[in-house]
Amino acid sequence: MKKFLLLSAKKSFLIKGLLIKLEDAGLSSDYASAGDPEVDSKMRDSEMFIFYMDDEMQNNTAFINHIADVLKKDGKMAILIGKKEEKDFVMQYIQEEFVLSFYERPLDMDVFVRDLLLEAALETNEGEKKVILVVDDDTEYRQLIRGWLRADYHVALANSGVQAITWLAKNTCDLILLDYAMPVTDGKKVLEMLKSEENTRDIPVMFLTGKNDKESIMEVLKLNPDDYLLKTIGRDALLEKMAEFFESREW
């Protein structure tokens, strides 16, 4: 099972409560503070970091930099917990591509633990739910789509095409929702990468696009995706679209 490492400036009452929640849920986890002499070994032994940001974090830029260096060097991912202004501060040091998701304080621990259980289940593809990989550089949009889908599907998240390809090297999914207009490596290039690899070429892909004019839609359709979704789609319409898609593939 995937092991999570909870990181923070100090072990506060809330941190202790969160650790108890993780343990009660059966999640494999560890903890390290900014001054923990074993922080490096704990980072090596963990697959994903949970970075709890608080008011003291701005005084720990050396710690933030160290986390950023490890994420980049080892290709690991971090989940951020904090206020929006704390996230903005930390994101000056940690690159967006290494941030899986962000949870705003005060934290709903039950929802957070449920999401971590989903991450752990995805690693072994437990259960009979279809797996959907959402690839989008917008953290809040990824979280929104995941929240809408997670009751009916396993939802994996990637914030770039490169991260999606890396995830797919060790995992599989039944559908990819791919942002068409990502920076650096856009949806067109990612689709080409997916179709060029034997283990991903047959995975259906739906483009996510924020443009609904005829010219933009025709440009998307020229790439022959399995379908496309406007980013303005609502929750009910999205769930209906997913249900129709998977039902059609069972014939």
Protein backbone atom coordinates (compact mmCIF):
# COMPACT_ATOMS: atom_id res chain seq x y z
CA MET A 1 0.00 0.00 0.00
CA LYS A 2 1.14 3.54 -0.75
CA LYS A 3 2.87 5.18 2.22
CA PHE A 4 2.12 8.81 3.06
CA LEU A 5 4.45 11.15 4.94
CA LEU A 6 2.82 14.00 6.88
CA LEU A 7 5.11 17.04 7.07
CA SER A 8 4.65 20.22 9.12
CA ALA A 9 6.59 22.87 11.01
CA LYS A 10 5.68 21.28 14.34
CA LYS A 11 3.49 18.52 15.75
CA SER A 12 0.41 20.45 16.78
CA PHE A 13 -2.84 19.15 18.25
CA LEU A 14 -4.40 19.12 14.77
CA ILE A 15 -1.49 17.16 13.36
CA LYS A 16 -1.87 14.54 16.10
CA GLY A 17 -5.58 14.29 15.32
CA LEU A 18 -4.90 13.84 11.62
CA LEU A 19 -2.34 11.10 12.32
CA ILE A 20 -4.92 9.26 14.43
CA LYS A 21 -7.44 9.55 11.59
CA LEU A 22 -4.94 8.10 9.11
CA GLU A 23 -4.12 5.23 11.44
CA ASP A 24 -7.78 4.47 12.14
CA ALA A 25 -8.42 4.32 8.38
CA GLY A 26 -5.65 1.75 7.99
CA LEU A 27 -3.47 4.04 5.89
CA SER A 28 0.29 3.58 5.97
CA SER A 29 1.72 6.88 7.17
CA ASP A 30 4.59 8.53 9.01
CA TYR A 31 5.32 12.00 10.35
CA ALA A 32 8.27 14.42 10.24
CA SER A 33 8.64 17.98 11.44
CA ALA A 34 11.03 20.65 10.20
CA GLY A 35 13.62 19.70 12.82
CA ASP A 36 13.29 15.92 12.61
CA PRO A 37 16.80 14.40 12.17
CA GLU A 38 15.21 11.43 10.37
CA VAL A 39 13.25 13.51 7.85
CA ASP A 40 15.42 12.45 4.90
CA SER A 41 15.06 8.72 5.56
CA LYS A 42 11.31 9.14 6.09
CA MET A 43 11.06 10.99 2.77
CA ARG A 44 12.88 8.16 0.99
CA ASP A 45 10.55 5.58 2.52
CA SER A 46 7.34 7.38 1.53
CA GLU A 47 5.61 7.53 -1.86
CA MET A 48 3.63 10.74 -1.29
CA PHE A 49 3.97 13.78 0.99
CA ILE A 50 1.17 15.54 2.87
CA PHE A 51 2.43 19.05 3.58
CA TYR A 52 0.45 20.75 6.36
CA MET A 53 1.06 24.49 6.11
CA ASP A 54 0.47 26.83 9.05
CA ASP A 55 1.34 30.34 10.24
CA GLU A 56 4.89 29.30 11.11
CA MET A 57 5.70 27.94 7.67
CA GLN A 58 6.94 31.27 6.30
CA ASN A 59 9.75 31.07 8.85
CA ASN A 60 10.79 27.66 7.49
CA THR A 61 11.81 28.42 3.92
CA ALA A 62 14.82 26.11 4.23
CA PHE A 63 12.43 23.24 5.04
CA ILE A 64 10.16 24.14 2.13
CA ASN A 65 13.12 24.29 -0.22
CA HIS A 66 14.28 20.89 0.98
CA ILE A 67 10.85 19.38 0.34
CA ALA A 68 10.83 20.96 -3.13
CA ASP A 69 14.26 19.51 -3.92
CA VAL A 70 13.24 16.00 -2.87
CA LEU A 71 10.01 16.16 -4.87
CA LYS A 72 11.91 17.19 -7.99
CA LYS A 73 14.78 14.75 -7.52
CA ASP A 74 12.63 11.70 -6.73
CA GLY A 75 9.60 12.60 -8.86
CA LYS A 76 7.24 12.32 -5.91
CA MET A 77 4.01 14.20 -5.35
CA ALA A 78 2.75 16.41 -2.54
CA ILE A 79 -0.72 17.15 -1.20
CA LEU A 80 -0.96 20.63 0.34
CA ILE A 81 -3.15 21.57 3.30
CA GLY A 82 -3.46 25.19 4.38
CA LYS A 83 -4.96 28.57 3.66
CA LYS A 84 -4.85 29.98 0.15
CA GLU A 85 -2.27 32.60 1.08
CA GLU A 86 -0.07 29.87 2.59
CA LYS A 87 -0.40 27.85 -0.58
CA ASP A 88 0.59 30.89 -2.66
CA PHE A 89 3.68 31.35 -0.49
CA VAL A 90 4.75 27.71 -0.68
CA MET A 91 4.15 27.58 -4.44
CA GLN A 92 7.01 30.07 -4.83
CA TYR A 93 9.28 27.16 -3.94
CA ILE A 94 7.46 23.98 -5.00
CA GLN A 95 6.75 23.55 -8.70
CA GLU A 96 3.11 23.07 -9.68
CA GLU A 97 3.83 19.78 -11.44
CA PHE A 98 4.69 18.15 -8.10
CA VAL A 99 1.47 19.21 -6.34
CA LEU A 100 -1.31 16.67 -6.68
CA SER A 101 -4.02 18.57 -4.84
CA PHE A 102 -4.76 21.31 -2.31
CA TYR A 103 -7.12 21.22 0.69
CA GLU A 104 -8.05 24.45 2.41
CA ARG A 105 -8.00 24.84 6.18
CA PRO A 106 -10.03 24.23 8.27
CA LEU A 107 -9.66 20.68 6.98
CA ASP A 108 -12.58 18.29 6.69
CA MET A 109 -10.63 15.25 7.89
CA ASP A 110 -13.28 12.71 6.88
CA VAL A 111 -13.27 13.92 3.27
CA PHE A 112 -9.49 14.11 3.25
CA VAL A 113 -9.03 10.57 4.57
CA ARG A 114 -11.59 9.28 2.08
CA ASP A 115 -9.57 10.81 -0.74
CA LEU A 116 -6.36 9.22 0.56
CA LEU A 117 -8.09 5.85 0.70
CA LEU A 118 -8.96 6.37 -2.95
CA GLU A 119 -5.30 7.03 -3.77
CA ALA A 120 -4.33 3.84 -1.98
CA ALA A 121 -7.03 1.85 -3.80
CA LEU A 122 -5.91 3.17 -7.18
CA GLU A 123 -2.44 1.77 -6.62
CA THR A 124 -3.77 -1.78 -6.61
CA ASN A 125 -6.89 -0.98 -8.65
CA GLU A 126 -9.08 -2.47 -5.93
CA GLY A 127 -12.79 -2.72 -6.44
CA GLU A 128 -14.99 -2.91 -9.53
CA LYS A 129 -15.32 0.81 -10.23
CA LYS A 130 -14.08 2.20 -13.52
CA VAL A 131 -10.88 4.22 -13.27
CA ILE A 132 -10.82 7.72 -14.76
CA LEU A 133 -7.58 9.71 -15.06
CA VAL A 134 -8.12 13.48 -15.04
CA VAL A 135 -5.22 15.41 -16.60
CA ASP A 136 -5.41 19.16 -16.06
CA ASP A 137 -2.95 21.84 -14.87
CA ASP A 138 -5.66 23.61 -12.84
CA THR A 139 -5.53 22.21 -9.28
CA GLU A 140 -8.96 23.48 -8.26
CA TYR A 141 -10.60 22.14 -11.43
CA ARG A 142 -9.03 18.71 -10.92
CA GLN A 143 -10.38 18.64 -7.37
CA LEU A 144 -13.83 19.74 -8.54
CA ILE A 145 -14.09 16.99 -11.15
CA ARG A 146 -12.77 14.42 -8.70
CA GLY A 147 -15.36 15.46 -6.14
CA TRP A 148 -18.16 15.00 -8.66
CA LEU A 149 -16.97 11.59 -9.87
CA ARG A 150 -15.51 9.87 -6.83
CA ALA A 151 -18.76 8.34 -5.57
CA ASP A 152 -19.13 6.30 -8.77
CA TYR A 153 -15.56 5.97 -10.08
CA HIS A 154 -11.96 5.67 -8.99
CA VAL A 155 -10.43 9.01 -9.99
CA ALA A 156 -6.70 9.51 -10.47
CA LEU A 157 -5.25 12.99 -10.97
CA ALA A 158 -2.33 14.30 -13.01
CA ASN A 159 -1.41 17.96 -13.50
CA SER A 160 0.59 17.52 -16.70
CA GLY A 161 0.97 15.20 -19.64
CA VAL A 162 4.35 14.03 -18.40
CA GLN A 163 2.89 13.15 -15.02
CA ALA A 164 0.04 11.29 -16.71
CA ILE A 165 2.46 9.23 -18.82
CA THR A 166 4.53 8.48 -15.71
CA TRP A 167 1.43 7.34 -13.80
CA LEU A 168 0.29 5.18 -16.71
CA ALA A 169 3.64 3.41 -16.78
CA LYS A 170 2.65 1.70 -13.51
CA ASN A 171 -1.15 1.92 -13.60
CA THR A 172 -4.03 1.65 -16.01
CA CYS A 173 -7.38 3.36 -16.42
CA ASP A 174 -10.61 3.04 -18.38
CA LEU A 175 -10.84 6.65 -19.56
CA ILE A 176 -8.66 9.77 -19.69
CA LEU A 177 -10.18 13.25 -19.37
CA LEU A 178 -7.46 15.40 -20.93
CA ASP A 179 -7.20 19.19 -20.82
CA TYR A 180 -6.73 20.42 -24.37
CA ALA A 181 -5.02 23.74 -23.56
CA MET A 182 -2.34 22.88 -20.99
CA PRO A 183 0.90 24.92 -21.01
CA VAL A 184 4.22 23.43 -22.20
CA THR A 185 2.81 20.06 -23.32
CA ASP A 186 -0.72 20.65 -24.59
CA GLY A 187 -3.48 18.10 -25.04
CA LYS A 188 -2.63 17.48 -28.69
CA LYS A 189 0.93 16.51 -27.84
CA VAL A 190 -0.17 14.36 -24.89
CA LEU A 191 -2.62 12.49 -27.11
CA GLU A 192 0.18 11.82 -29.59
CA MET A 193 2.34 10.49 -26.75
CA LEU A 194 -0.47 8.24 -25.55
CA LYS A 195 -1.15 6.83 -29.01
CA SER A 196 2.55 6.15 -29.61
CA GLU A 197 2.87 3.82 -26.61
CA GLU A 198 1.58 0.25 -26.75
CA ASN A 199 0.26 0.25 -23.17
CA THR A 200 -1.75 3.47 -23.61
CA ARG A 201 -2.78 3.64 -27.26
CA ASP A 202 -6.12 1.91 -26.70
CA ILE A 203 -7.20 3.95 -23.67
CA PRO A 204 -10.14 6.18 -24.68
CA VAL A 205 -9.54 9.91 -24.37
CA MET A 206 -12.03 12.76 -23.96
CA PHE A 207 -10.71 16.27 -24.32
CA LEU A 208 -11.63 18.95 -21.78
CA THR A 209 -11.92 22.35 -23.41
CA GLY A 210 -12.94 25.79 -22.23
CA LYS A 211 -13.79 27.03 -25.75
CA ASN A 212 -17.15 26.31 -27.31
CA ASP A 213 -16.92 28.22 -30.60
CA LYS A 214 -17.24 26.17 -33.80
CA GLU A 215 -13.64 26.72 -34.92
CA SER A 216 -12.19 25.56 -31.59
CA ILE A 217 -14.44 22.51 -31.43
CA MET A 218 -13.52 21.50 -35.01
CA GLU A 219 -9.83 21.84 -34.10
CA VAL A 220 -10.34 19.46 -31.19
CA LEU A 221 -12.34 16.94 -33.24
CA LYS A 222 -9.65 16.79 -35.95
CA LEU A 223 -7.51 14.89 -33.44
CA ASN A 224 -10.11 12.11 -33.30
CA PRO A 225 -10.62 11.89 -29.53
CA ASP A 226 -13.33 9.56 -28.29
CA ASP A 227 -15.30 12.65 -27.32
CA TYR A 228 -14.90 16.11 -25.80
CA LEU A 229 -16.39 17.92 -22.81
CA LEU A 230 -16.79 21.63 -22.25
CA LYS A 231 -15.30 22.72 -18.92
CA THR A 232 -18.55 24.52 -18.16
CA ILE A 233 -20.32 21.16 -17.87
CA GLY A 234 -22.24 20.70 -14.64
CA ARG A 235 -22.07 17.81 -12.20
CA ASP A 236 -25.25 16.03 -13.31
CA ALA A 237 -24.42 16.39 -16.99
CA LEU A 238 -20.91 15.05 -16.41
CA LEU A 239 -22.17 12.01 -14.50
CA GLU A 240 -24.73 11.33 -17.23
CA LYS A 241 -22.01 11.62 -19.89
CA MET A 242 -19.74 9.18 -18.06
CA ALA A 243 -22.55 6.68 -17.53
CA GLU A 244 -23.55 6.82 -21.21
CA PHE A 245 -19.94 6.41 -22.31
CA PHE A 246 -19.23 3.29 -20.24
CA GLU A 247 -22.63 1.77 -21.04
CA SER A 248 -21.94 2.18 -24.77
CA ARG A 249 -18.64 0.32 -24.46
CA GLU A 250 -20.28 -2.71 -22.86
CA TRP A 251 -22.15 -3.60 -26.01
